Amino acid sequence: MLPAALLAGCTTEPPMRATRIDGQIIKGNPALERQLEIDNTICQGQVAKADSASAAPALRRSQAAADIFAGCMAERGYLGTPR
């Protein structure tokens, strides 16, 4: 099961889903699902940290949050792919 906030940074269903860069299938692999949850939590923390330090308008913060999250997940071996 993929976390609902995987790439959108919110509580609604994201328009993207995580795919491993190395081609491993996440769904149905308990170890990879667990790692995805951990990586998602770490990246959400980075977004929250950056957002709390920003004085930019909400729209700009929203785009920055998406960029930060995508970059963080990419560093951990994930790509966002359309649903």
Protein backbone atom coordinates (compact mmCIF):
# COMPACT_ATOMS: atom_id res chain seq x y z
CA MET A 1 0.00 0.00 0.00
CA LEU A 2 1.42 3.37 -1.00
CA PRO A 3 1.08 6.32 1.36
CA ALA A 4 -1.68 8.69 0.27
CA ALA A 5 0.60 11.71 0.45
CA LEU A 6 3.32 10.10 -1.60
CA LEU A 7 4.10 12.79 -4.12
CA ALA A 8 1.45 15.43 -3.62
CA GLY A 9 2.50 16.50 -0.14
CA CYS A 10 -1.13 16.54 1.03
CA THR A 11 -3.82 14.19 2.23
CA THR A 12 -5.59 13.70 -1.11
CA GLU A 13 -4.78 10.99 -3.63
CA PRO A 14 -1.70 12.12 -5.57
CA PRO A 15 -1.74 12.45 -9.36
CA MET A 16 1.57 10.60 -9.36
CA ARG A 17 2.75 7.28 -7.95
CA ALA A 18 6.21 6.22 -6.88
CA THR A 19 8.25 3.99 -9.14
CA ARG A 20 11.69 2.66 -8.26
CA ILE A 21 14.44 3.97 -10.55
CA ASP A 22 16.02 0.51 -10.49
CA GLY A 23 12.78 -1.10 -11.76
CA GLN A 24 11.91 -2.99 -8.57
CA ILE A 25 8.18 -3.42 -7.99
CA ILE A 26 7.09 -1.75 -4.74
CA LYS A 27 3.51 -2.98 -4.49
CA GLY A 28 3.37 -6.44 -2.96
CA ASN A 29 6.94 -6.30 -1.63
CA PRO A 30 6.71 -5.69 2.14
CA ALA A 31 10.34 -4.58 2.46
CA LEU A 32 10.06 -2.04 -0.36
CA GLU A 33 6.67 -0.82 0.89
CA ARG A 34 8.17 -0.26 4.34
CA GLN A 35 11.16 1.55 2.87
CA LEU A 36 8.87 3.73 0.77
CA GLU A 37 6.95 4.73 3.90
CA ILE A 38 10.20 5.63 5.66
CA ASP A 39 11.50 7.60 2.68
CA ASN A 40 8.14 9.35 2.29
CA THR A 41 8.22 10.40 5.94
CA ILE A 42 11.76 11.74 5.62
CA CYS A 43 10.86 13.73 2.51
CA GLN A 44 7.67 15.10 4.06
CA GLY A 45 9.85 16.28 6.95
CA GLN A 46 12.17 18.09 4.55
CA VAL A 47 9.15 19.80 2.95
CA ALA A 48 7.78 20.85 6.35
CA LYS A 49 11.18 22.18 7.41
CA ALA A 50 11.55 24.24 4.22
CA ASP A 51 7.96 25.48 4.41
CA SER A 52 8.32 26.67 7.98
CA ALA A 53 11.41 28.69 7.00
CA SER A 54 9.75 30.30 3.97
CA ALA A 55 8.04 33.66 3.80
CA ALA A 56 7.08 33.17 0.13
CA PRO A 57 3.44 33.36 -1.02
CA ALA A 58 1.43 30.14 -0.66
CA LEU A 59 1.43 29.32 -4.39
CA ARG A 60 5.20 29.63 -4.61
CA ARG A 61 5.63 27.57 -1.41
CA SER A 62 3.36 24.90 -2.87
CA GLN A 63 5.50 24.56 -6.00
CA ALA A 64 8.69 24.64 -3.93
CA ALA A 65 7.28 21.92 -1.67
CA ALA A 66 6.52 19.72 -4.68
CA ASP A 67 10.03 20.28 -6.05
CA ILE A 68 11.67 19.55 -2.69
CA PHE A 69 9.63 16.39 -2.23
CA ALA A 70 10.32 15.13 -5.77
CA GLY A 71 14.05 15.82 -5.39
CA CYS A 72 14.18 14.10 -2.01
CA MET A 73 12.40 11.02 -3.35
CA ALA A 74 14.66 10.96 -6.42
CA GLU A 75 17.71 10.97 -4.14
CA ARG A 76 16.24 7.88 -2.50
CA GLY A 77 15.68 6.07 -5.80
CA TYR A 78 12.10 6.95 -6.78
CA LEU A 79 10.50 8.58 -9.77
CA GLY A 80 7.04 10.07 -9.91
CA THR A 81 4.99 8.53 -12.71
CA PRO A 82 1.46 9.50 -13.76
CA ARG A 83 -1.36 7.33 -12.40
